N, C-alpha and C. Protein backbone atom coordinates (compact mmCIF):
# COMPACT_ATOMS: atom_id res chain seq x y z
N MET A 1 16.61 1.93 6.39
CA MET A 1 15.23 2.58 6.65
C MET A 1 14.94 3.71 5.39
N SER A 2 14.06 3.64 4.99
CA SER A 2 13.88 4.76 3.85
C SER A 2 13.38 6.34 4.44
N ASP A 3 13.60 7.02 3.73
CA ASP A 3 13.48 8.42 4.26
C ASP A 3 11.70 8.65 3.97
N LEU A 4 11.35 9.86 4.27
CA LEU A 4 9.81 10.01 3.92
C LEU A 4 9.82 10.31 2.87
N PRO A 5 10.59 10.86 1.94
CA PRO A 5 10.24 11.32 0.70
C PRO A 5 10.18 10.19 -0.32
N ALA A 6 11.43 9.59 -0.13
CA ALA A 6 11.33 7.82 -0.73
C ALA A 6 9.95 7.40 -0.42
N THR A 7 9.23 7.02 0.72
CA THR A 7 8.10 6.62 1.14
C THR A 7 7.13 7.66 0.54
N ALA A 8 6.55 8.47 0.29
CA ALA A 8 5.87 9.32 -0.39
C ALA A 8 5.91 9.06 -2.12
N ARG A 9 6.99 8.86 -2.43
CA ARG A 9 7.06 8.96 -3.51
C ARG A 9 6.68 7.66 -3.85
N ARG A 10 7.00 6.45 -3.07
CA ARG A 10 6.95 5.37 -3.85
C ARG A 10 5.15 4.79 -3.77
N LEU A 11 4.49 5.43 -2.59
CA LEU A 11 3.50 5.49 -2.58
C LEU A 11 2.38 6.23 -3.72
N GLY A 12 2.76 7.38 -4.30
CA GLY A 12 2.65 7.84 -5.11
C GLY A 12 2.32 7.32 -6.36
N LEU A 13 3.35 6.39 -6.54
CA LEU A 13 4.15 5.71 -7.75
C LEU A 13 2.42 4.98 -7.37
N LEU A 14 2.58 4.10 -6.63
CA LEU A 14 1.91 3.20 -6.44
C LEU A 14 0.16 3.30 -6.60
N ALA A 15 -0.13 4.33 -6.43
CA ALA A 15 -1.37 5.39 -6.64
C ALA A 15 -1.90 5.46 -8.33
N ALA A 16 -0.49 6.14 -8.96
CA ALA A 16 -0.60 6.44 -10.40
C ALA A 16 -0.80 4.94 -11.13
N ALA A 17 0.09 4.02 -10.61
CA ALA A 17 -0.06 2.81 -11.20
C ALA A 17 -1.81 2.09 -11.21
N LEU A 18 -2.25 2.33 -10.07
CA LEU A 18 -3.72 1.97 -10.21
C LEU A 18 -4.74 2.66 -10.80
N LEU A 19 -4.36 4.05 -11.02
CA LEU A 19 -5.33 4.67 -11.65
C LEU A 19 -4.90 4.67 -12.85
N VAL A 20 -3.75 4.41 -13.72
CA VAL A 20 -3.78 4.00 -14.95
C VAL A 20 -4.15 2.93 -15.43
N ALA A 21 -4.10 1.63 -14.26
CA ALA A 21 -4.92 0.44 -14.62
C ALA A 21 -6.43 0.43 -14.66
N LEU A 22 -7.30 1.40 -13.90
CA LEU A 22 -8.17 1.61 -14.18
C LEU A 22 -8.74 2.62 -15.08
N ALA A 23 -7.84 3.77 -15.48
CA ALA A 23 -8.33 4.56 -16.56
C ALA A 23 -7.94 3.35 -18.01
N ALA A 24 -7.23 2.43 -18.16
CA ALA A 24 -7.36 1.64 -18.99
C ALA A 24 -8.31 0.65 -18.69
N CYS A 25 -9.01 0.50 -18.17
CA CYS A 25 -10.68 -0.20 -18.32
C CYS A 25 -11.79 0.55 -17.92
N SER A 26 9.03 -2.67 10.92
CA SER A 26 8.64 -2.57 12.22
C SER A 26 9.27 -2.70 13.28
N GLU A 27 9.06 -2.34 14.09
CA GLU A 27 9.75 -2.18 15.14
C GLU A 27 9.78 -3.89 15.89
N ALA A 28 8.68 -4.10 15.60
CA ALA A 28 8.30 -5.92 16.27
C ALA A 28 9.17 -6.58 15.49
N PRO A 29 9.54 -7.60 16.73
CA PRO A 29 10.31 -8.88 15.78
C PRO A 29 9.46 -9.74 14.99
N ALA A 30 10.30 -9.97 13.87
CA ALA A 30 9.77 -10.82 12.94
C ALA A 30 9.23 -11.91 13.60
N PRO A 31 7.88 -12.77 13.01
CA PRO A 31 7.83 -14.29 13.58
C PRO A 31 9.41 -15.13 13.41
N SER A 32 9.08 -15.96 13.95
CA SER A 32 10.12 -17.44 13.92
C SER A 32 10.37 -18.63 12.35
N ARG A 33 8.79 -18.20 12.76
CA ARG A 33 7.94 -19.74 11.85
C ARG A 33 6.76 -19.32 11.73
N GLY A 34 5.70 -20.31 10.64
CA GLY A 34 4.91 -19.91 10.37
C GLY A 34 4.62 -19.22 8.80
N PRO A 35 3.37 -19.27 8.79
CA PRO A 35 2.89 -18.88 7.66
C PRO A 35 3.60 -17.11 7.12
N ALA A 36 3.67 -16.70 8.27
CA ALA A 36 4.16 -15.01 8.11
C ALA A 36 5.70 -15.13 7.61
N VAL A 37 5.83 -15.50 7.73
CA VAL A 37 7.77 -15.83 7.96
C VAL A 37 7.89 -15.83 6.11
N ILE A 38 8.73 -14.45 5.14
CA ILE A 38 8.67 -14.49 4.25
C ILE A 38 10.54 -14.46 4.20
N SER A 39 11.36 -15.76 4.23
CA SER A 39 12.75 -15.29 3.78
C SER A 39 13.08 -14.89 2.64
N ALA A 40 12.46 -14.39 1.52
CA ALA A 40 12.77 -13.83 0.39
C ALA A 40 11.76 -13.78 -0.62
N PRO A 41 11.59 -12.34 -1.56
CA PRO A 41 10.80 -11.85 -2.45
C PRO A 41 10.83 -13.14 -3.54
N PRO A 42 9.26 -13.89 -3.57
CA PRO A 42 9.06 -14.43 -4.69
C PRO A 42 9.34 -14.01 -5.86
N PRO A 43 9.84 -14.71 -6.68
CA PRO A 43 10.27 -14.37 -8.42
C PRO A 43 9.01 -14.07 -8.87
N PRO A 44 9.25 -13.12 -10.12
CA PRO A 44 7.78 -12.57 -11.16
C PRO A 44 6.95 -13.86 -11.59
N GLU A 45 7.58 -15.28 -11.55
CA GLU A 45 6.66 -15.86 -11.97
C GLU A 45 5.66 -16.37 -10.67
N ALA A 46 5.98 -16.38 -9.75
CA ALA A 46 5.34 -17.05 -8.61
C ALA A 46 4.06 -15.80 -8.27
N LEU A 47 3.92 -14.63 -9.12
CA LEU A 47 2.84 -13.62 -9.05
C LEU A 47 1.69 -14.33 -9.95
N PRO A 48 0.13 -14.23 -9.23
CA PRO A 48 -0.62 -14.88 -9.68
C PRO A 48 -1.69 -13.92 -11.28
N ASP A 49 -2.33 -14.53 -12.12
CA ASP A 49 -2.32 -14.28 -13.26
C ASP A 49 -3.60 -13.37 -12.76
N CYS A 50 -4.04 -12.91 -14.00
CA CYS A 50 -5.50 -11.71 -13.64
C CYS A 50 -6.53 -13.53 -13.56
N ASP A 51 -6.94 -14.41 -13.88
CA ASP A 51 -7.70 -15.21 -13.73
C ASP A 51 -7.82 -16.22 -12.05
N ALA A 52 -6.74 -15.78 -12.01
CA ALA A 52 -6.39 -15.88 -10.48
C ALA A 52 -6.75 -15.28 -9.32
N ILE A 53 -6.46 -13.90 -9.87
CA ILE A 53 -6.91 -12.83 -8.51
C ILE A 53 -8.43 -12.61 -9.41
N ALA A 54 -8.83 -12.61 -10.43
CA ALA A 54 -10.11 -12.75 -10.46
C ALA A 54 -10.82 -13.88 -9.50
N THR A 55 -10.33 -14.67 -9.52
CA THR A 55 -10.95 -15.92 -8.69
C THR A 55 -10.88 -15.17 -7.17
N ALA A 56 -10.06 -14.73 -6.81
CA ALA A 56 -9.67 -14.53 -5.18
C ALA A 56 -10.72 -13.46 -4.97
N LEU A 57 -10.36 -12.61 -5.75
CA LEU A 57 -11.82 -11.43 -5.93
C LEU A 57 -13.19 -11.92 -5.75
N GLY A 58 -13.58 -12.60 -6.30
CA GLY A 58 -15.00 -13.64 -6.01
C GLY A 58 -16.23 -12.44 -6.87
N GLU A 59 -17.00 -12.21 -5.33
CA GLU A 59 -18.66 -11.49 -6.31
C GLU A 59 -17.77 -9.85 -6.46
N LEU A 60 -16.70 -9.38 -5.74
CA LEU A 60 -16.21 -8.09 -6.39
C LEU A 60 -16.17 -7.69 -7.25
N ILE A 61 -15.67 -8.70 -8.83
CA ILE A 61 -15.97 -8.28 -9.92
C ILE A 61 -16.87 -8.90 -10.45
N ASP A 62 -17.79 -9.75 -10.36
CA ASP A 62 -19.25 -10.15 -10.61
C ASP A 62 -20.04 -9.24 -11.49
N GLY A 63 -20.06 -9.15 -12.83
CA GLY A 63 -20.52 -8.52 -13.96
C GLY A 63 -19.38 -7.64 -14.57
N LEU A 64 -18.28 -7.98 -13.91
CA LEU A 64 -17.21 -6.79 -15.03
C LEU A 64 -16.82 -7.84 -15.69
N ALA A 65 -16.22 -7.12 -16.76
CA ALA A 65 -14.81 -7.86 -17.39
C ALA A 65 -13.51 -7.60 -17.49
N VAL A 66 -12.56 -8.22 -17.32
CA VAL A 66 -11.31 -8.16 -17.66
C VAL A 66 -11.23 -7.31 -18.81
N VAL A 67 -9.96 -6.05 -18.66
CA VAL A 67 -9.69 -5.29 -19.73
C VAL A 67 -8.78 -6.11 -20.29
N ASP A 68 -7.13 -6.71 -19.89
CA ASP A 68 -6.37 -7.34 -20.84
C ASP A 68 -6.20 -8.95 -19.66
N PRO A 69 -6.46 -9.85 -20.14
CA PRO A 69 -6.72 -10.77 -19.47
C PRO A 69 -5.16 -11.17 -19.24
N ALA A 70 -3.84 -10.79 -19.77
CA ALA A 70 -2.67 -10.57 -19.63
C ALA A 70 -2.27 -9.40 -18.08
N GLY A 71 -2.99 -8.86 -18.07
CA GLY A 71 -2.67 -7.83 -17.14
C GLY A 71 -1.92 -7.03 -17.80
N THR A 72 -0.91 -5.89 -16.96
CA THR A 72 -0.05 -4.94 -17.41
C THR A 72 1.25 -5.69 -16.09
N ARG A 73 2.47 -5.55 -16.86
CA ARG A 73 3.48 -6.22 -15.97
C ARG A 73 4.66 -4.75 -15.99
N GLN A 74 5.14 -4.57 -14.62
CA GLN A 74 6.13 -3.76 -15.27
C GLN A 74 7.02 -4.26 -14.07
N ASP A 75 8.54 -4.22 -14.82
CA ASP A 75 10.07 -4.67 -14.17
C ASP A 75 11.23 -3.42 -13.97
N SER A 76 11.57 -3.43 -12.68
CA SER A 76 12.49 -2.61 -12.49
C SER A 76 13.91 -3.15 -11.91
N ALA A 77 14.92 -2.45 -11.87
CA ALA A 77 16.06 -3.40 -10.85
C ALA A 77 15.13 -3.32 -9.42
N ASP A 78 14.36 -2.62 -9.24
CA ASP A 78 14.17 -2.65 -7.72
C ASP A 78 13.07 -3.34 -7.37
N ALA A 79 11.55 -3.40 -8.19
CA ALA A 79 10.66 -4.32 -8.04
C ALA A 79 10.34 -4.64 -9.38
N PHE A 80 8.95 -5.80 -9.61
CA PHE A 80 7.81 -5.86 -10.54
C PHE A 80 6.86 -5.69 -9.81
N SER A 81 5.98 -5.72 -10.49
CA SER A 81 4.49 -5.56 -10.50
C SER A 81 3.73 -6.07 -11.38
N LEU A 82 2.53 -6.53 -11.09
CA LEU A 82 1.12 -7.04 -11.99
C LEU A 82 0.06 -6.13 -11.81
N SER A 83 -0.80 -6.03 -12.86
CA SER A 83 -1.66 -4.58 -12.47
C SER A 83 -2.76 -5.33 -13.35
N CYS A 84 -4.47 -5.88 -12.79
CA CYS A 84 -5.08 -6.32 -13.64
C CYS A 84 -6.64 -5.07 -13.13
N ALA A 85 -6.69 -5.03 -13.98
CA ALA A 85 -8.56 -4.15 -14.05
C ALA A 85 -9.67 -4.94 -14.97
N TRP A 86 -10.72 -4.72 -14.25
CA TRP A 86 -11.82 -5.25 -14.71
C TRP A 86 -13.08 -3.78 -14.65
N ARG A 87 -13.37 -3.48 -16.11
CA ARG A 87 -14.37 -2.78 -16.30
C ARG A 87 -15.98 -3.12 -16.53
N GLY A 88 -16.95 -2.48 -16.25
CA GLY A 88 -18.25 -2.84 -16.50
C GLY A 88 -18.96 -2.28 -18.02
N ALA A 89 -19.65 -2.98 -18.84
CA ALA A 89 -19.68 -2.63 -20.26
C ALA A 89 -20.61 -1.73 -20.45
N ASP A 90 -21.60 -1.96 -19.19
CA ASP A 90 -22.67 -1.05 -19.13
C ASP A 90 -22.81 0.16 -18.04
N ASP A 91 -22.26 0.28 -17.24
CA ASP A 91 -22.40 0.91 -16.34
C ASP A 91 -21.10 2.13 -15.54
N GLY A 92 -19.62 1.83 -16.17
CA GLY A 92 -19.32 2.94 -16.05
C GLY A 92 -17.85 2.56 -15.10
N ALA A 93 -18.61 1.11 -14.53
CA ALA A 93 -17.57 0.66 -13.22
C ALA A 93 -16.28 0.30 -13.54
N ALA A 94 -15.55 0.67 -12.52
CA ALA A 94 -13.86 -0.01 -13.17
C ALA A 94 -13.32 -0.52 -11.95
N LEU A 95 -12.78 -1.65 -11.38
CA LEU A 95 -11.64 -1.96 -10.32
C LEU A 95 -10.56 -2.70 -10.83
N GLY A 96 -9.23 -2.10 -10.15
CA GLY A 96 -7.97 -2.86 -10.71
C GLY A 96 -7.83 -3.37 -9.19
N ALA A 97 -6.40 -4.36 -9.65
CA ALA A 97 -5.59 -5.00 -8.36
C ALA A 97 -4.36 -4.52 -8.90
N ILE A 98 -3.53 -4.04 -7.98
CA ILE A 98 -1.98 -3.92 -8.20
C ILE A 98 -1.50 -5.04 -7.22
N VAL A 99 -0.45 -6.15 -7.24
CA VAL A 99 0.67 -6.74 -7.19
C VAL A 99 1.97 -6.28 -7.58
N ILE A 100 2.82 -5.59 -6.13
CA ILE A 100 3.95 -5.27 -6.23
C ILE A 100 4.98 -5.64 -5.02
N VAL A 101 6.17 -6.22 -5.90
CA VAL A 101 7.52 -6.95 -5.38
C VAL A 101 8.62 -5.97 -5.13
N ASP A 102 8.40 -5.49 -3.99
CA ASP A 102 9.90 -4.72 -3.78
C ASP A 102 10.69 -5.23 -3.26
N GLN A 103 12.21 -4.69 -3.66
CA GLN A 103 13.24 -5.63 -3.10
C GLN A 103 13.12 -4.73 -2.00
N GLN A 104 12.58 -3.29 -2.02
CA GLN A 104 13.31 -2.81 -0.47
C GLN A 104 12.22 -2.16 -0.26
N PRO A 105 11.11 -3.24 0.37
CA PRO A 105 9.38 -2.87 0.99
C PRO A 105 9.49 -2.10 1.64
N LEU A 106 8.49 -1.18 2.09
CA LEU A 106 8.31 -0.75 2.61
C LEU A 106 7.91 -1.30 3.65
N THR A 107 8.22 -0.96 5.12
CA THR A 107 8.22 -1.02 6.87
C THR A 107 7.05 -0.45 7.56
N GLU A 108 7.12 -1.53 8.08
CA GLU A 108 6.18 -0.73 9.49
C GLU A 108 6.58 0.41 10.13
N ALA A 109 7.76 0.57 10.24
CA ALA A 109 8.59 1.62 10.98
C ALA A 109 8.79 3.02 9.56
N ASP A 110 8.50 2.46 8.47
CA ASP A 110 8.20 3.41 7.63
C ASP A 110 7.13 4.06 7.69
N MET A 111 5.93 3.03 7.70
CA MET A 111 4.21 3.92 7.66
C MET A 111 3.74 4.38 8.92
N ARG A 112 4.37 3.83 10.21
CA ARG A 112 4.24 4.36 11.12
C ARG A 112 4.55 6.15 11.28
N ARG A 113 6.43 6.69 10.86
CA ARG A 113 6.91 7.50 11.16
C ARG A 113 6.34 8.34 9.85
N ALA A 114 5.84 7.68 9.03
CA ALA A 114 4.64 8.53 7.97
C ALA A 114 3.21 8.54 8.39
N GLY A 115 3.10 8.48 9.66
CA GLY A 115 1.70 8.16 9.72
C GLY A 115 0.52 7.73 8.82
N LEU A 116 0.72 6.80 8.51
CA LEU A 116 0.03 5.76 7.56
C LEU A 116 -0.07 4.27 7.64
N TYR A 117 0.43 3.84 8.94
CA TYR A 117 0.22 2.19 9.39
C TYR A 117 -1.33 2.31 9.73
N VAL A 118 -1.49 1.13 9.53
CA VAL A 118 -3.31 0.82 10.29
C VAL A 118 -2.95 -0.76 10.35
N ASP A 119 -3.08 -1.25 11.75
CA ASP A 119 -3.25 -2.51 12.36
C ASP A 119 -4.52 -2.93 11.76
N ASP A 120 -4.24 -4.66 11.29
CA ASP A 120 -5.31 -4.82 11.40
C ASP A 120 -5.12 -6.44 11.53
N PRO A 121 -5.83 -7.48 12.20
CA PRO A 121 -5.81 -8.55 12.38
C PRO A 121 -5.76 -9.33 10.82
N ARG A 122 -6.59 -8.99 10.36
CA ARG A 122 -6.76 -10.18 8.63
C ARG A 122 -5.03 -10.47 8.45
N VAL A 123 -4.50 -8.73 8.17
CA VAL A 123 -3.54 -8.74 7.44
C VAL A 123 -2.85 -8.79 8.46
N ALA A 124 -3.01 -8.72 9.75
CA ALA A 124 -1.60 -9.47 11.04
C ALA A 124 -1.33 -11.01 10.60
N ALA A 125 -2.55 -11.57 10.59
CA ALA A 125 -2.43 -12.86 10.72
C ALA A 125 -1.38 -13.62 9.32
N LEU A 126 -0.93 -12.80 8.50
CA LEU A 126 -0.22 -12.67 7.13
C LEU A 126 1.73 -12.70 7.73
N GLY A 127 1.85 -11.72 8.58
CA GLY A 127 2.37 -11.15 9.08
C GLY A 127 2.76 -9.81 8.51
N GLY A 128 1.99 -8.90 7.92
CA GLY A 128 1.89 -7.95 7.78
C GLY A 128 1.22 -6.56 8.07
N PHE A 129 0.39 -5.61 7.36
CA PHE A 129 0.37 -4.54 8.06
C PHE A 129 -0.55 -3.76 6.63
N ILE A 130 -1.22 -2.21 7.52
CA ILE A 130 -2.19 -1.85 5.88
C ILE A 130 -1.29 -0.59 5.89
N ALA A 131 -1.07 0.01 4.81
CA ALA A 131 -0.91 1.44 4.63
C ALA A 131 -1.90 2.03 4.14
N TYR A 132 -2.62 3.07 4.96
CA TYR A 132 -3.52 4.15 4.29
C TYR A 132 -3.28 5.36 4.60
N PRO A 133 -3.83 6.47 4.34
CA PRO A 133 -3.56 7.68 4.50
C PRO A 133 -4.26 8.23 5.74
N GLU A 134 -3.71 9.04 6.31
CA GLU A 134 -4.06 9.12 7.66
C GLU A 134 -3.73 8.03 8.60
N GLY A 135 -3.29 7.29 8.16
CA GLY A 135 -2.92 5.63 9.23
C GLY A 135 -4.54 5.49 9.88
N ARG A 136 -5.53 6.03 9.20
CA ARG A 136 -6.54 5.39 9.77
C ARG A 136 -8.00 5.11 8.69
N LEU A 137 -8.05 3.85 8.90
CA LEU A 137 -9.31 3.18 8.04
C LEU A 137 -10.73 2.44 8.69
N ASP A 138 -11.72 3.55 7.74
CA ASP A 138 -13.00 3.32 8.51
C ASP A 138 -13.34 1.90 7.19
N GLY A 139 -13.36 1.25 7.81
CA GLY A 139 -13.87 -0.08 6.90
C GLY A 139 -15.39 -0.40 6.06
N THR A 140 -15.94 1.13 6.14
CA THR A 140 -17.48 0.92 6.05
C THR A 140 -17.29 2.30 4.55
N GLU A 141 -16.09 2.68 4.40
CA GLU A 141 -15.79 4.03 3.20
C GLU A 141 -16.25 3.00 2.21
N ILE A 142 -16.57 3.95 0.86
CA ILE A 142 -16.32 3.20 -0.47
C ILE A 142 -15.41 3.72 -0.87
N LEU A 143 -14.51 2.64 -1.34
CA LEU A 143 -12.98 2.50 -2.51
C LEU A 143 -13.40 3.28 -3.28
N GLY A 144 -11.98 4.25 -3.49
CA GLY A 144 -12.27 4.62 -4.31
C GLY A 144 -10.65 4.63 -5.07
N PRO A 145 -10.29 5.91 -5.81
CA PRO A 145 -9.12 5.44 -6.69
C PRO A 145 -7.55 4.88 -5.46
N VAL A 146 -7.74 5.50 -4.41
CA VAL A 146 -6.71 5.31 -3.24
C VAL A 146 -7.26 4.20 -2.38
N GLY A 147 -6.80 3.08 -3.08
CA GLY A 147 -7.26 2.44 -1.85
C GLY A 147 -5.87 1.67 -0.42
N PRO A 148 -6.29 0.78 0.10
CA PRO A 148 -5.64 0.41 1.08
C PRO A 148 -4.62 -0.40 0.53
N GLN A 149 -3.13 -0.20 1.19
CA GLN A 149 -2.15 -1.25 0.95
C GLN A 149 -1.98 -1.92 1.84
N VAL A 150 -2.22 -3.51 1.10
CA VAL A 150 -1.77 -4.62 2.21
C VAL A 150 -0.44 -5.37 2.37
N ILE A 151 0.55 -4.81 2.86
CA ILE A 151 1.84 -4.95 2.91
C ILE A 151 2.02 -6.50 3.48
N VAL A 152 2.63 -7.00 3.13
CA VAL A 152 3.27 -8.77 4.20
C VAL A 152 4.84 -8.66 3.26
N GLY A 153 5.67 -8.29 3.79
CA GLY A 153 7.15 -8.51 3.24
C GLY A 153 7.13 -7.67 2.16
N PRO A 154 8.01 -7.93 1.48
CA PRO A 154 7.96 -7.77 -0.01
C PRO A 154 6.94 -7.44 -1.05
N VAL A 155 5.97 -8.11 -0.29
CA VAL A 155 4.61 -8.05 -1.35
C VAL A 155 3.16 -7.28 -1.15
N THR A 156 3.03 -6.34 -1.86
CA THR A 156 2.28 -4.85 -1.63
C THR A 156 1.19 -5.49 -2.40
N VAL A 157 -0.14 -5.62 -1.86
CA VAL A 157 -1.52 -5.24 -2.78
C VAL A 157 -2.31 -4.50 -2.65
N THR A 158 -3.01 -4.25 -3.83
CA THR A 158 -3.65 -2.88 -3.37
C THR A 158 -4.75 -3.14 -4.37
N LEU A 159 -6.06 -2.51 -4.17
CA LEU A 159 -7.36 -2.10 -4.50
C LEU A 159 -8.03 -1.22 -4.83
N ALA A 160 -8.33 -0.41 -5.67
CA ALA A 160 -8.73 0.87 -6.11
C ALA A 160 -10.11 0.67 -6.90
N ALA A 161 -10.95 1.28 -6.83
CA ALA A 161 -12.08 1.53 -7.98
C ALA A 161 -12.88 2.96 -7.81
N ASN A 162 -13.95 2.82 -9.19
CA ASN A 162 -13.83 4.34 -9.64
C ASN A 162 -15.52 4.80 -8.76
N ALA A 163 -16.03 3.77 -7.92
CA ALA A 163 -17.00 3.82 -7.48
C ALA A 163 -18.85 4.24 -8.18
N ARG A 164 -18.33 3.46 -9.24
CA ARG A 164 -19.38 3.91 -9.88
C ARG A 164 -20.01 2.15 -10.60
N GLY A 165 -21.39 2.39 -11.00
CA GLY A 165 -22.04 1.16 -11.12
C GLY A 165 -22.08 -0.27 -10.49
N ALA A 166 -21.30 -1.11 -10.80
CA ALA A 166 -21.24 -2.01 -10.21
C ALA A 166 -20.27 -2.43 -8.77
N VAL A 167 -19.51 -1.43 -8.86
CA VAL A 167 -18.61 -1.31 -7.35
C VAL A 167 -18.83 -0.15 -6.95
N ALA A 168 -19.89 0.59 -6.88
CA ALA A 168 -20.24 1.91 -6.44
C ALA A 168 -20.40 1.31 -4.74
N ASP A 169 -20.50 0.35 -4.48
CA ASP A 169 -20.93 -0.34 -2.74
C ASP A 169 -19.72 -0.92 -2.75
N VAL A 170 -18.62 -1.03 -3.10
CA VAL A 170 -17.50 -1.83 -2.41
C VAL A 170 -16.80 -1.00 -1.38
N THR A 171 -16.73 -1.86 -0.27
CA THR A 171 -16.30 -0.97 1.00
C THR A 171 -14.43 -1.18 1.43
N LEU A 172 -13.99 -0.57 2.00
CA LEU A 172 -12.62 -0.62 2.33
C LEU A 172 -12.24 -1.99 2.72
N THR A 173 -13.22 -2.60 3.43
CA THR A 173 -13.16 -3.94 4.26
C THR A 173 -13.11 -5.08 3.24
N GLN A 174 -13.97 -4.84 2.19
CA GLN A 174 -14.13 -5.58 1.14
C GLN A 174 -12.82 -5.98 0.20
N ALA A 175 -11.98 -4.43 0.05
CA ALA A 175 -10.91 -4.07 -0.21
C ALA A 175 -9.72 -4.64 0.24
N VAL A 176 -9.94 -4.70 1.52
CA VAL A 176 -8.81 -5.56 2.45
C VAL A 176 -9.02 -6.79 2.38
N ASP A 177 -10.05 -7.44 2.23
CA ASP A 177 -10.37 -9.08 2.08
C ASP A 177 -10.13 -9.31 0.75
N GLY A 178 -10.22 -8.74 -0.25
CA GLY A 178 -9.92 -9.03 -1.37
C GLY A 178 -8.16 -9.15 -1.57
N ALA A 179 -7.56 -8.08 -1.02
CA ALA A 179 -6.34 -8.13 -0.99
C ALA A 179 -5.67 -9.21 -0.49
N VAL A 180 -6.27 -9.15 0.75
CA VAL A 180 -5.82 -10.78 1.64
C VAL A 180 -5.96 -12.16 0.64
N ALA A 181 -7.05 -11.75 0.50
CA ALA A 181 -7.06 -13.18 -0.95
C ALA A 181 -6.19 -13.69 -1.94
N ILE A 182 -5.75 -12.33 -2.23
CA ILE A 182 -4.58 -12.29 -3.74
C ILE A 182 -2.90 -12.64 -2.79
N HIS A 183 -3.01 -12.21 -1.57
CA HIS A 183 -1.71 -12.51 -0.84
C HIS A 183 -1.88 -14.11 -0.43
N ARG A 184 -3.00 -14.74 -0.24
CA ARG A 184 -2.89 -16.29 0.15
C ARG A 184 -2.81 -17.01 -1.20
N LEU A 185 -3.22 -16.66 -2.32
CA LEU A 185 -2.49 -16.92 -3.93
C LEU A 185 -0.85 -17.20 -3.86
N MET A 186 -0.25 -16.95 -2.87
CA MET A 186 1.26 -16.54 -3.52
C MET A 186 1.76 -17.23 -2.28
N ARG A 187 1.51 -18.08 -1.27
CA ARG A 187 1.73 -18.52 -0.07
C ARG A 187 1.68 -20.50 -0.82
């Protein structure tokens, strides 16, 4: 089990990575079978590319251009990630997606203890949960620089936006739907 400072540090790093991308542009038993079972972290080559992520996000990025088609990849001994960002040419809009595969993933128990756990049926269907500040997610709120983290086993997917221009009306519900679509790319 991670201690609370390590959890907070990881969440801070995730938020910082998303901000950089935007600026550049359980105690419950695990299921024994089915799509929610993840036996091992996926390898780095299993991460979707920015084009595939764009397709999964669909209308969320309509009118936006990818900042870097290859995205930004980071690797460490404990995790690897891919960040993709899209920007609006005329309206200052920016939206980013990050996929992190962590060898020591955040757990439901960690998030409950930290007061960040959110249960969501869309994510539960994948065998995961959402981490979000104060453990309360109002799906009608506008997506900002700290988005809901959709965590399924060792894979965390989150979206963030600057709430300007074409992404000014993107809600947290849409962000969760987008993150779920990205998770499904890796299944």
